[in-house]
Amino acid sequence: MGLSLHNGLAVIEGLLGRKTPFVRTPKFNITKQEDGWMGNSYLRSSLNLTTIIEGTLCLYFIYGCIIGFQLKDNGLLFFHIMLALGFGSIFIYSIKPLFAQKTKVA
């Protein structure tokens, strides 16, 4: 559920014929316990628009769960919970390296 935004954007870019560069999967080359991933060049140093939208969608579906409880309308509650957890987990995994970098530098 959480990857639906990213996959949807990829489909739209494909349908529009937009050529994008292939982005290699990060390989951190960690072979020993002393090796770390903190200073790796693959890590982003700022939020991108997709990550912000994922966080916003997580909050939106949490709000949908709250409104469903208040109105005693549980028809879409399970779906809203799945979407909130999906977008929330992708959002957290996306911002976690940003906070790890900042605390390591400080």
PDB file of N, CA and C in Angstrom:
ATOM      1  N   MET A   1       0.815  -1.192   0.000  1.00  0.00           N
ATOM      2  CA  MET A   1       0.000   0.000   0.000  1.00  0.00           C
ATOM      3  C   MET A   1       0.862   1.261   0.000  1.00  0.00           C
ATOM      4  N   GLY A   2       1.933   1.231   0.753  1.00  0.00           N
ATOM      5  CA  GLY A   2       2.762   2.418   0.869  1.00  0.00           C
ATOM      6  C   GLY A   2       3.524   2.757  -0.400  1.00  0.00           C
ATOM      7  N   LEU A   3       3.768   1.774  -1.240  1.00  0.00           N
ATOM      8  CA  LEU A   3       4.515   2.017  -2.477  1.00  0.00           C
ATOM      9  C   LEU A   3       3.626   2.470  -3.629  1.00  0.00           C
ATOM     10  N   SER A   4       2.319   2.571  -3.401  1.00  0.00           N
ATOM     11  CA  SER A   4       1.403   2.911  -4.487  1.00  0.00           C
ATOM     12  C   SER A   4       1.678   4.298  -5.062  1.00  0.00           C
ATOM     13  N   LEU A   5       2.065   5.250  -4.239  1.00  0.00           N
ATOM     14  CA  LEU A   5       2.375   6.592  -4.750  1.00  0.00           C
ATOM     15  C   LEU A   5       3.592   6.542  -5.672  1.00  0.00           C
ATOM     16  N   HIS A   6       4.646   5.913  -5.228  1.00  0.00           N
ATOM     17  CA  HIS A   6       5.875   5.823  -6.031  1.00  0.00           C
ATOM     18  C   HIS A   6       5.616   5.073  -7.334  1.00  0.00           C
ATOM     19  N   ASN A   7       4.900   3.961  -7.257  1.00  0.00           N
ATOM     20  CA  ASN A   7       4.610   3.183  -8.460  1.00  0.00           C
ATOM     21  C   ASN A   7       3.674   3.936  -9.399  1.00  0.00           C
ATOM     22  N   GLY A   8       2.703   4.650  -8.839  1.00  0.00           N
ATOM     23  CA  GLY A   8       1.796   5.445  -9.663  1.00  0.00           C
ATOM     24  C   GLY A   8       2.526   6.549 -10.414  1.00  0.00           C
ATOM     25  N   LEU A   9       3.454   7.206  -9.733  1.00  0.00           N
ATOM     26  CA  LEU A   9       4.249   8.240 -10.402  1.00  0.00           C
ATOM     27  C   LEU A   9       5.107   7.643 -11.516  1.00  0.00           C
ATOM     28  N   ALA A  10       5.635   6.456 -11.293  1.00  0.00           N
ATOM     29  CA  ALA A  10       6.447   5.794 -12.325  1.00  0.00           C
ATOM     30  C   ALA A  10       5.599   5.455 -13.552  1.00  0.00           C
ATOM     31  N   VAL A  11       4.372   5.005 -13.330  1.00  0.00           N
ATOM     32  CA  VAL A  11       3.480   4.685 -14.450  1.00  0.00           C
ATOM     33  C   VAL A  11       3.143   5.946 -15.235  1.00  0.00           C
ATOM     34  N   ILE A  12       2.831   7.029 -14.531  1.00  0.00           N
ATOM     35  CA  ILE A  12       2.500   8.288 -15.206  1.00  0.00           C
ATOM     36  C   ILE A  12       3.690   8.787 -16.022  1.00  0.00           C
ATOM     37  N   GLU A  13       4.891   8.719 -15.462  1.00  0.00           N
ATOM     38  CA  GLU A  13       6.086   9.131 -16.210  1.00  0.00           C
ATOM     39  C   GLU A  13       6.279   8.266 -17.450  1.00  0.00           C
ATOM     40  N   GLY A  14       6.004   6.968 -17.328  1.00  0.00           N
ATOM     41  CA  GLY A  14       6.131   6.079 -18.477  1.00  0.00           C
ATOM     42  C   GLY A  14       5.112   6.388 -19.558  1.00  0.00           C
ATOM     43  N   LEU A  15       3.867   6.658 -19.147  1.00  0.00           N
ATOM     44  CA  LEU A  15       2.826   6.977 -20.123  1.00  0.00           C
ATOM     45  C   LEU A  15       3.092   8.299 -20.834  1.00  0.00           C
ATOM     46  N   LEU A  16       3.693   9.231 -20.126  1.00  0.00           N
ATOM     47  CA  LEU A  16       4.017  10.523 -20.730  1.00  0.00           C
ATOM     48  C   LEU A  16       5.293  10.472 -21.562  1.00  0.00           C
ATOM     49  N   GLY A  17       5.996   9.340 -21.521  1.00  0.00           N
ATOM     50  CA  GLY A  17       7.219   9.182 -22.299  1.00  0.00           C
ATOM     51  C   GLY A  17       8.410   9.912 -21.717  1.00  0.00           C
ATOM     52  N   ARG A  18       8.353  10.229 -20.454  1.00  0.00           N
ATOM     53  CA  ARG A  18       9.457  10.946 -19.805  1.00  0.00           C
ATOM     54  C   ARG A  18      10.614   9.989 -19.559  1.00  0.00           C
ATOM     55  N   LYS A  19      11.761  10.348 -20.059  1.00  0.00           N
ATOM     56  CA  LYS A  19      12.959   9.529 -19.871  1.00  0.00           C
ATOM     57  C   LYS A  19      13.632   9.929 -18.567  1.00  0.00           C
ATOM     58  N   THR A  20      13.850   8.958 -17.714  1.00  0.00           N
ATOM     59  CA  THR A  20      14.533   9.219 -16.448  1.00  0.00           C
ATOM     60  C   THR A  20      15.763   8.331 -16.367  1.00  0.00           C
ATOM     61  N   PRO A  21      16.794   8.798 -15.699  1.00  0.00           N
ATOM     62  CA  PRO A  21      18.003   7.980 -15.580  1.00  0.00           C
ATOM     63  C   PRO A  21      17.772   6.798 -14.644  1.00  0.00           C
ATOM     64  N   PHE A  22      18.491   5.736 -14.895  1.00  0.00           N
ATOM     65  CA  PHE A  22      18.428   4.584 -14.007  1.00  0.00           C
ATOM     66  C   PHE A  22      19.193   4.917 -12.733  1.00  0.00           C
ATOM     67  N   VAL A  23      18.531   4.785 -11.611  1.00  0.00           N
ATOM     68  CA  VAL A  23      19.171   5.058 -10.326  1.00  0.00           C
ATOM     69  C   VAL A  23      19.548   3.728  -9.704  1.00  0.00           C
ATOM     70  N   ARG A  24      20.819   3.539  -9.513  1.00  0.00           N
ATOM     71  CA  ARG A  24      21.345   2.277  -8.992  1.00  0.00           C
ATOM     72  C   ARG A  24      20.938   2.087  -7.538  1.00  0.00           C
ATOM     73  N   THR A  25      20.651   0.848  -7.186  1.00  0.00           N
ATOM     74  CA  THR A  25      20.342   0.512  -5.804  1.00  0.00           C
ATOM     75  C   THR A  25      21.589   0.724  -4.953  1.00  0.00           C
ATOM     76  N   PRO A  26      21.447   1.400  -3.816  1.00  0.00           N
ATOM     77  CA  PRO A  26      22.628   1.671  -2.987  1.00  0.00           C
ATOM     78  C   PRO A  26      23.313   0.395  -2.512  1.00  0.00           C
ATOM     79  N   LYS A  27      24.603   0.355  -2.681  1.00  0.00           N
ATOM     80  CA  LYS A  27      25.432  -0.723  -2.140  1.00  0.00           C
ATOM     81  C   LYS A  27      26.422  -0.057  -1.200  1.00  0.00           C
ATOM     82  N   PHE A  28      26.333  -0.382   0.062  1.00  0.00           N
ATOM     83  CA  PHE A  28      27.132   0.315   1.049  1.00  0.00           C
ATOM     84  C   PHE A  28      28.490  -0.334   1.293  1.00  0.00           C
ATOM     85  N   ASN A  29      28.746  -1.517   0.710  1.00  0.00           N
ATOM     86  CA  ASN A  29      30.035  -2.194   0.826  1.00  0.00           C
ATOM     87  C   ASN A  29      30.470  -2.341   2.285  1.00  0.00           C
ATOM     88  N   ILE A  30      29.555  -2.806   3.093  1.00  0.00           N
ATOM     89  CA  ILE A  30      29.864  -3.047   4.506  1.00  0.00           C
ATOM     90  C   ILE A  30      30.292  -4.501   4.626  1.00  0.00           C
ATOM     91  N   THR A  31      31.566  -4.703   4.912  1.00  0.00           N
ATOM     92  CA  THR A  31      32.093  -6.060   5.003  1.00  0.00           C
ATOM     93  C   THR A  31      32.548  -6.416   6.408  1.00  0.00           C
ATOM     94  N   LYS A  32      32.820  -5.405   7.222  1.00  0.00           N
ATOM     95  CA  LYS A  32      33.253  -5.642   8.603  1.00  0.00           C
ATOM     96  C   LYS A  32      32.308  -4.927   9.556  1.00  0.00           C
ATOM     97  N   GLN A  33      32.331  -5.342  10.781  1.00  0.00           N
ATOM     98  CA  GLN A  33      31.458  -4.728  11.778  1.00  0.00           C
ATOM     99  C   GLN A  33      31.809  -3.253  12.007  1.00  0.00           C
ATOM    100  N   GLU A  34      33.057  -2.879  11.779  1.00  0.00           N
ATOM    101  CA  GLU A  34      33.479  -1.501  11.986  1.00  0.00           C
ATOM    102  C   GLU A  34      33.013  -0.576  10.862  1.00  0.00           C
ATOM    103  N   ASP A  35      32.703  -1.153   9.683  1.00  0.00           N
ATOM    104  CA  ASP A  35      32.265  -0.340   8.549  1.00  0.00           C
ATOM    105  C   ASP A  35      30.890   0.251   8.843  1.00  0.00           C
ATOM    106  N   GLY A  36      30.661   1.442   8.349  1.00  0.00           N
ATOM    107  CA  GLY A  36      29.374   2.105   8.565  1.00  0.00           C
ATOM    108  C   GLY A  36      28.800   2.642   7.270  1.00  0.00           C
ATOM    109  N   TRP A  37      27.531   2.963   7.310  1.00  0.00           N
ATOM    110  CA  TRP A  37      26.847   3.480   6.136  1.00  0.00           C
ATOM    111  C   TRP A  37      26.566   4.971   6.255  1.00  0.00           C
ATOM    112  N   MET A  38      26.965   5.589   7.361  1.00  0.00           N
ATOM    113  CA  MET A  38      26.577   6.966   7.645  1.00  0.00           C
ATOM    114  C   MET A  38      27.148   7.977   6.647  1.00  0.00           C
ATOM    115  N   GLY A  39      28.359   7.828   6.217  1.00  0.00           N
ATOM    116  CA  GLY A  39      28.964   8.817   5.329  1.00  0.00           C
ATOM    117  C   GLY A  39      28.850   8.469   3.860  1.00  0.00           C
ATOM    118  N   ASN A  40      28.006   7.531   3.509  1.00  0.00           N
ATOM    119  CA  ASN A  40      27.913   7.059   2.142  1.00  0.00           C
ATOM    120  C   ASN A  40      27.290   8.111   1.227  1.00  0.00           C
ATOM    121  N   SER A  41      27.784   8.177   0.003  1.00  0.00           N
ATOM    122  CA  SER A  41      27.317   9.197  -0.940  1.00  0.00           C
ATOM    123  C   SER A  41      25.916   8.918  -1.469  1.00  0.00           C
ATOM    124  N   TYR A  42      25.386   7.709  -1.283  1.00  0.00           N
ATOM    125  CA  TYR A  42      24.042   7.401  -1.756  1.00  0.00           C
ATOM    126  C   TYR A  42      22.958   8.016  -0.875  1.00  0.00           C
ATOM    127  N   LEU A  43      23.298   8.385   0.328  1.00  0.00           N
ATOM    128  CA  LEU A  43      22.302   8.918   1.248  1.00  0.00           C
ATOM    129  C   LEU A  43      21.943  10.350   0.877  1.00  0.00           C
ATOM    130  N   ARG A  44      20.645  10.629   0.895  1.00  0.00           N
ATOM    131  CA  ARG A  44      20.188  11.984   0.602  1.00  0.00           C
ATOM    132  C   ARG A  44      20.337  12.854   1.837  1.00  0.00           C
ATOM    133  N   SER A  45      20.503  14.136   1.608  1.00  0.00           N
ATOM    134  CA  SER A  45      20.646  15.045   2.738  1.00  0.00           C
ATOM    135  C   SER A  45      19.407  15.899   2.960  1.00  0.00           C
ATOM    136  N   SER A  46      18.359  15.727   2.124  1.00  0.00           N
ATOM    137  CA  SER A  46      17.150  16.521   2.298  1.00  0.00           C
ATOM    138  C   SER A  46      15.925  15.713   1.881  1.00  0.00           C
ATOM    139  N   LEU A  47      14.765  16.212   2.272  1.00  0.00           N
ATOM    140  CA  LEU A  47      13.506  15.571   1.900  1.00  0.00           C
ATOM    141  C   LEU A  47      13.171  15.902   0.455  1.00  0.00           C
ATOM    142  N   ASN A  48      12.559  14.952  -0.236  1.00  0.00           N
ATOM    143  CA  ASN A  48      12.059  15.258  -1.565  1.00  0.00           C
ATOM    144  C   ASN A  48      10.530  15.330  -1.514  1.00  0.00           C
ATOM    145  N   LEU A  49       9.917  15.769  -2.593  1.00  0.00           N
ATOM    146  CA  LEU A  49       8.476  15.992  -2.625  1.00  0.00           C
ATOM    147  C   LEU A  49       7.693  14.704  -2.401  1.00  0.00           C
ATOM    148  N   THR A  50       8.153  13.597  -2.952  1.00  0.00           N
ATOM    149  CA  THR A  50       7.453  12.328  -2.787  1.00  0.00           C
ATOM    150  C   THR A  50       7.388  11.923  -1.319  1.00  0.00           C
ATOM    151  N   THR A  51       8.452  12.114  -0.581  1.00  0.00           N
ATOM    152  CA  THR A  51       8.471  11.773   0.840  1.00  0.00           C
ATOM    153  C   THR A  51       7.495  12.643   1.618  1.00  0.00           C
ATOM    154  N   ILE A  52       7.431  13.922   1.298  1.00  0.00           N
ATOM    155  CA  ILE A  52       6.494  14.821   1.969  1.00  0.00           C
ATOM    156  C   ILE A  52       5.054  14.412   1.672  1.00  0.00           C
ATOM    157  N   ILE A  53       4.768  14.045   0.429  1.00  0.00           N
ATOM    158  CA  ILE A  53       3.417  13.607   0.067  1.00  0.00           C
ATOM    159  C   ILE A  53       3.072  12.313   0.794  1.00  0.00           C
ATOM    160  N   GLU A  54       4.019  11.392   0.930  1.00  0.00           N
ATOM    161  CA  GLU A  54       3.764  10.146   1.662  1.00  0.00           C
ATOM    162  C   GLU A  54       3.425  10.427   3.122  1.00  0.00           C
ATOM    163  N   GLY A  55       4.139  11.347   3.755  1.00  0.00           N
ATOM    164  CA  GLY A  55       3.825  11.721   5.127  1.00  0.00           C
ATOM    165  C   GLY A  55       2.454  12.360   5.238  1.00  0.00           C
ATOM    166  N   THR A  56       2.112  13.203   4.267  1.00  0.00           N
ATOM    167  CA  THR A  56       0.801  13.848   4.257  1.00  0.00           C
ATOM    168  C   THR A  56      -0.313  12.822   4.074  1.00  0.00           C
ATOM    169  N   LEU A  57      -0.115  11.858   3.193  1.00  0.00           N
ATOM    170  CA  LEU A  57      -1.122  10.815   2.995  1.00  0.00           C
ATOM    171  C   LEU A  57      -1.294   9.958   4.241  1.00  0.00           C
ATOM    172  N   CYS A  58      -0.212   9.693   4.954  1.00  0.00           N
ATOM    173  CA  CYS A  58      -0.305   8.956   6.212  1.00  0.00           C
ATOM    174  C   CYS A  58      -1.197   9.705   7.193  1.00  0.00           C
ATOM    175  N   LEU A  59      -0.950  10.999   7.360  1.00  0.00           N
ATOM    176  CA  LEU A  59      -1.776  11.810   8.260  1.00  0.00           C
ATOM    177  C   LEU A  59      -3.228  11.869   7.794  1.00  0.00           C
ATOM    178  N   TYR A  60      -3.437  11.950   6.487  1.00  0.00           N
ATOM    179  CA  TYR A  60      -4.788  11.996   5.925  1.00  0.00           C
ATOM    180  C   TYR A  60      -5.570  10.727   6.259  1.00  0.00           C
ATOM    181  N   PHE A  61      -4.939   9.575   6.122  1.00  0.00           N
ATOM    182  CA  PHE A  61      -5.646   8.327   6.399  1.00  0.00           C
ATOM    183  C   PHE A  61      -5.800   8.078   7.898  1.00  0.00           C
ATOM    184  N   ILE A  62      -4.895   8.594   8.716  1.00  0.00           N
ATOM    185  CA  ILE A  62      -5.110   8.548  10.168  1.00  0.00           C
ATOM    186  C   ILE A  62      -6.330   9.387  10.520  1.00  0.00           C
ATOM    187  N   TYR A  63      -6.438  10.559   9.900  1.00  0.00           N
ATOM    188  CA  TYR A  63      -7.607  11.414  10.100  1.00  0.00           C
ATOM    189  C   TYR A  63      -8.879  10.692   9.650  1.00  0.00           C
ATOM    190  N   GLY A  64      -8.805   9.956   8.544  1.00  0.00           N
ATOM    191  CA  GLY A  64      -9.948   9.169   8.084  1.00  0.00           C
ATOM    192  C   GLY A  64     -10.364   8.118   9.095  1.00  0.00           C
ATOM    193  N   CYS A  65      -9.396   7.492   9.760  1.00  0.00           N
ATOM    194  CA  CYS A  65      -9.706   6.516  10.815  1.00  0.00           C
ATOM    195  C   CYS A  65     -10.415   7.192  11.983  1.00  0.00           C
ATOM    196  N   ILE A  66      -9.928   8.359  12.377  1.00  0.00           N
ATOM    197  CA  ILE A  66     -10.529   9.082  13.501  1.00  0.00           C
ATOM    198  C   ILE A  66     -11.961   9.492  13.172  1.00  0.00           C
ATOM    199  N   ILE A  67     -12.184  10.030  11.982  1.00  0.00           N
ATOM    200  CA  ILE A  67     -13.529  10.438  11.573  1.00  0.00           C
ATOM    201  C   ILE A  67     -14.448   9.225  11.481  1.00  0.00           C
ATOM    202  N   GLY A  68     -13.931   8.104  10.987  1.00  0.00           N
ATOM    203  CA  GLY A  68     -14.731   6.883  10.926  1.00  0.00           C
ATOM    204  C   GLY A  68     -15.184   6.427  12.301  1.00  0.00           C
ATOM    205  N   PHE A  69     -14.289   6.506  13.291  1.00  0.00           N
ATOM    206  CA  PHE A  69     -14.663   6.163  14.669  1.00  0.00           C
ATOM    207  C   PHE A  69     -15.724   7.113  15.202  1.00  0.00           C
ATOM    208  N   GLN A  70     -15.537   8.404  14.973  1.00  0.00           N
ATOM    209  CA  GLN A  70     -16.476   9.390  15.498  1.00  0.00           C
ATOM    210  C   GLN A  70     -17.865   9.232  14.895  1.00  0.00           C
ATOM    211  N   LEU A  71     -17.933   8.926  13.620  1.00  0.00           N
ATOM    212  CA  LEU A  71     -19.222   8.782  12.940  1.00  0.00           C
ATOM    213  C   LEU A  71     -19.775   7.364  13.031  1.00  0.00           C
ATOM    214  N   LYS A  72     -19.032   6.481  13.693  1.00  0.00           N
ATOM    215  CA  LYS A  72     -19.401   5.066  13.805  1.00  0.00           C
ATOM    216  C   LYS A  72     -19.633   4.433  12.424  1.00  0.00           C
ATOM    217  N   ASP A  73     -18.792   4.833  11.490  1.00  0.00           N
ATOM    218  CA  ASP A  73     -18.829   4.298  10.134  1.00  0.00           C
ATOM    219  C   ASP A  73     -17.533   3.530   9.913  1.00  0.00           C
ATOM    220  N   ASN A  74     -17.574   2.222  10.135  1.00  0.00           N
ATOM    221  CA  ASN A  74     -16.370   1.398  10.075  1.00  0.00           C
ATOM    222  C   ASN A  74     -16.197   0.678   8.740  1.00  0.00           C
ATOM    223  N   GLY A  75     -16.928   1.085   7.730  1.00  0.00           N
ATOM    224  CA  GLY A  75     -16.860   0.414   6.439  1.00  0.00           C
ATOM    225  C   GLY A  75     -15.482   0.465   5.797  1.00  0.00           C
ATOM    226  N   LEU A  76     -14.815   1.587   5.884  1.00  0.00           N
ATOM    227  CA  LEU A  76     -13.497   1.746   5.264  1.00  0.00           C
ATOM    228  C   LEU A  76     -12.371   1.765   6.285  1.00  0.00           C
ATOM    229  N   LEU A  77     -12.678   1.464   7.536  1.00  0.00           N
ATOM    230  CA  LEU A  77     -11.686   1.573   8.605  1.00  0.00           C
ATOM    231  C   LEU A  77     -10.467   0.687   8.354  1.00  0.00           C
ATOM    232  N   PHE A  78     -10.691  -0.564   7.997  1.00  0.00           N
ATOM    233  CA  PHE A  78      -9.573  -1.477   7.758  1.00  0.00           C
ATOM    234  C   PHE A  78      -8.700  -0.976   6.610  1.00  0.00           C
ATOM    235  N   PHE A  79      -9.336  -0.491   5.554  1.00  0.00           N
ATOM    236  CA  PHE A  79      -8.605   0.042   4.405  1.00  0.00           C
ATOM    237  C   PHE A  79      -7.796   1.278   4.797  1.00  0.00           C
ATOM    238  N   HIS A  80      -8.400   2.167   5.585  1.00  0.00           N
ATOM    239  CA  HIS A  80      -7.687   3.363   6.039  1.00  0.00           C
ATOM    240  C   HIS A  80      -6.511   3.004   6.942  1.00  0.00           C
ATOM    241  N   ILE A  81      -6.688   2.011   7.795  1.00  0.00           N
ATOM    242  CA  ILE A  81      -5.589   1.576   8.668  1.00  0.00           C
ATOM    243  C   ILE A  81      -4.431   1.032   7.831  1.00  0.00           C
ATOM    244  N   MET A  82      -4.747   0.192   6.836  1.00  0.00           N
ATOM    245  CA  MET A  82      -3.686  -0.350   5.974  1.00  0.00           C
ATOM    246  C   MET A  82      -2.946   0.758   5.235  1.00  0.00           C
ATOM    247  N   LEU A  83      -3.690   1.734   4.711  1.00  0.00           N
ATOM    248  CA  LEU A  83      -3.050   2.832   3.988  1.00  0.00           C
ATOM    249  C   LEU A  83      -2.205   3.699   4.913  1.00  0.00           C
ATOM    250  N   ALA A  84      -2.714   3.989   6.113  1.00  0.00           N
ATOM    251  CA  ALA A  84      -1.950   4.804   7.064  1.00  0.00           C
ATOM    252  C   ALA A  84      -0.662   4.091   7.471  1.00  0.00           C
ATOM    253  N   LEU A  85      -0.747   2.796   7.738  1.00  0.00           N
ATOM    254  CA  LEU A  85       0.454   2.042   8.109  1.00  0.00           C
ATOM    255  C   LEU A  85       1.434   1.937   6.939  1.00  0.00           C
ATOM    256  N   GLY A  86       0.919   1.735   5.739  1.00  0.00           N
ATOM    257  CA  GLY A  86       1.782   1.624   4.566  1.00  0.00           C
ATOM    258  C   GLY A  86       2.520   2.913   4.270  1.00  0.00           C
ATOM    259  N   PHE A  87       1.770   4.014   4.147  1.00  0.00           N
ATOM    260  CA  PHE A  87       2.413   5.298   3.867  1.00  0.00           C
ATOM    261  C   PHE A  87       3.283   5.742   5.036  1.00  0.00           C
ATOM    262  N   GLY A  88       2.849   5.457   6.258  1.00  0.00           N
ATOM    263  CA  GLY A  88       3.635   5.831   7.435  1.00  0.00           C
ATOM    264  C   GLY A  88       4.960   5.100   7.496  1.00  0.00           C
ATOM    265  N   SER A  89       4.944   3.808   7.192  1.00  0.00           N
ATOM    266  CA  SER A  89       6.198   3.048   7.250  1.00  0.00           C
ATOM    267  C   SER A  89       7.175   3.499   6.165  1.00  0.00           C
ATOM    268  N   ILE A  90       6.676   3.750   4.961  1.00  0.00           N
ATOM    269  CA  ILE A  90       7.554   4.239   3.892  1.00  0.00           C
ATOM    270  C   ILE A  90       8.107   5.617   4.254  1.00  0.00           C
ATOM    271  N   PHE A  91       7.258   6.478   4.834  1.00  0.00           N
ATOM    272  CA  PHE A  91       7.706   7.808   5.246  1.00  0.00           C
ATOM    273  C   PHE A  91       8.794   7.715   6.311  1.00  0.00           C
ATOM    274  N   ILE A  92       8.590   6.869   7.312  1.00  0.00           N
ATOM    275  CA  ILE A  92       9.575   6.729   8.392  1.00  0.00           C
ATOM    276  C   ILE A  92      10.889   6.157   7.862  1.00  0.00           C
ATOM    277  N   TYR A  93      10.796   5.134   6.999  1.00  0.00           N
ATOM    278  CA  TYR A  93      12.024   4.572   6.429  1.00  0.00           C
ATOM    279  C   TYR A  93      12.744   5.580   5.539  1.00  0.00           C
ATOM    280  N   SER A  94      12.008   6.525   4.958  1.00  0.00           N
ATOM    281  CA  SER A  94      12.631   7.538   4.105  1.00  0.00           C
ATOM    282  C   SER A  94      13.328   8.624   4.909  1.00  0.00           C
ATOM    283  N   ILE A  95      12.764   9.001   6.063  1.00  0.00           N
ATOM    284  CA  ILE A  95      13.366  10.094   6.833  1.00  0.00           C
ATOM    285  C   ILE A  95      14.350   9.608   7.890  1.00  0.00           C
ATOM    286  N   LYS A  96      14.337   8.326   8.198  1.00  0.00           N
ATOM    287  CA  LYS A  96      15.232   7.801   9.232  1.00  0.00           C
ATOM    288  C   LYS A  96      16.709   8.087   8.944  1.00  0.00           C
ATOM    289  N   PRO A  97      17.207   7.882   7.721  1.00  0.00           N
ATOM    290  CA  PRO A  97      18.621   8.197   7.462  1.00  0.00           C
ATOM    291  C   PRO A  97      18.944   9.683   7.613  1.00  0.00           C
ATOM    292  N   LEU A  98      17.968  10.560   7.372  1.00  0.00           N
ATOM    293  CA  LEU A  98      18.222  11.995   7.524  1.00  0.00           C
ATOM    294  C   LEU A  98      18.534  12.341   8.971  1.00  0.00           C
ATOM    295  N   PHE A  99      17.763  11.781   9.895  1.00  0.00           N
ATOM    296  CA  PHE A  99      18.000  12.050  11.309  1.00  0.00           C
ATOM    297  C   PHE A  99      19.261  11.353  11.802  1.00  0.00           C
ATOM    298  N   ALA A 100      19.562  10.190  11.262  1.00  0.00           N
ATOM    299  CA  ALA A 100      20.777   9.476  11.662  1.00  0.00           C
ATOM    300  C   ALA A 100      22.014  10.256  11.235  1.00  0.00           C
ATOM    301  N   GLN A 101      21.978  10.868  10.053  1.00  0.00           N
ATOM    302  CA  GLN A 101      23.107  11.665   9.579  1.00  0.00           C
ATOM    303  C   GLN A 101      23.304  12.895  10.454  1.00  0.00           C
ATOM    304  N   LYS A 102      22.209  13.565  10.814  1.00  0.00           N
ATOM    305  CA  LYS A 102      22.319  14.797  11.591  1.00  0.00           C
ATOM    306  C   LYS A 102      22.828  14.527  12.999  1.00  0.00           C
ATOM    307  N   THR A 103      22.394  13.424  13.606  1.00  0.00           N
ATOM    308  CA  THR A 103      22.864  13.134  14.959  1.00  0.00           C
ATOM    309  C   THR A 103      24.310  12.663  14.939  1.00  0.00           C
ATOM    310  N   LYS A 104      24.739  12.013  13.871  1.00  0.00           N
ATOM    311  CA  LYS A 104      26.123  11.552  13.766  1.00  0.00           C
ATOM    312  C   LYS A 104      27.074  12.735  13.580  1.00  0.00           C
ATOM    313  N   VAL A 105      26.637  13.740  12.819  1.00  0.00           N
ATOM    314  CA  VAL A 105      27.476  14.906  12.547  1.00  0.00           C
ATOM    315  C   VAL A 105      27.626  15.761  13.794  1.00  0.00           C
ATOM    316  N   ALA A 106      26.553  15.882  14.563  1.00  0.00           N
ATOM    317  CA  ALA A 106      26.560  16.776  15.735  1.00  0.00           C
ATOM    318  C   ALA A 106      27.417  16.287  16.853  1.00  0.00           C
TER     319      ALA A 106
END
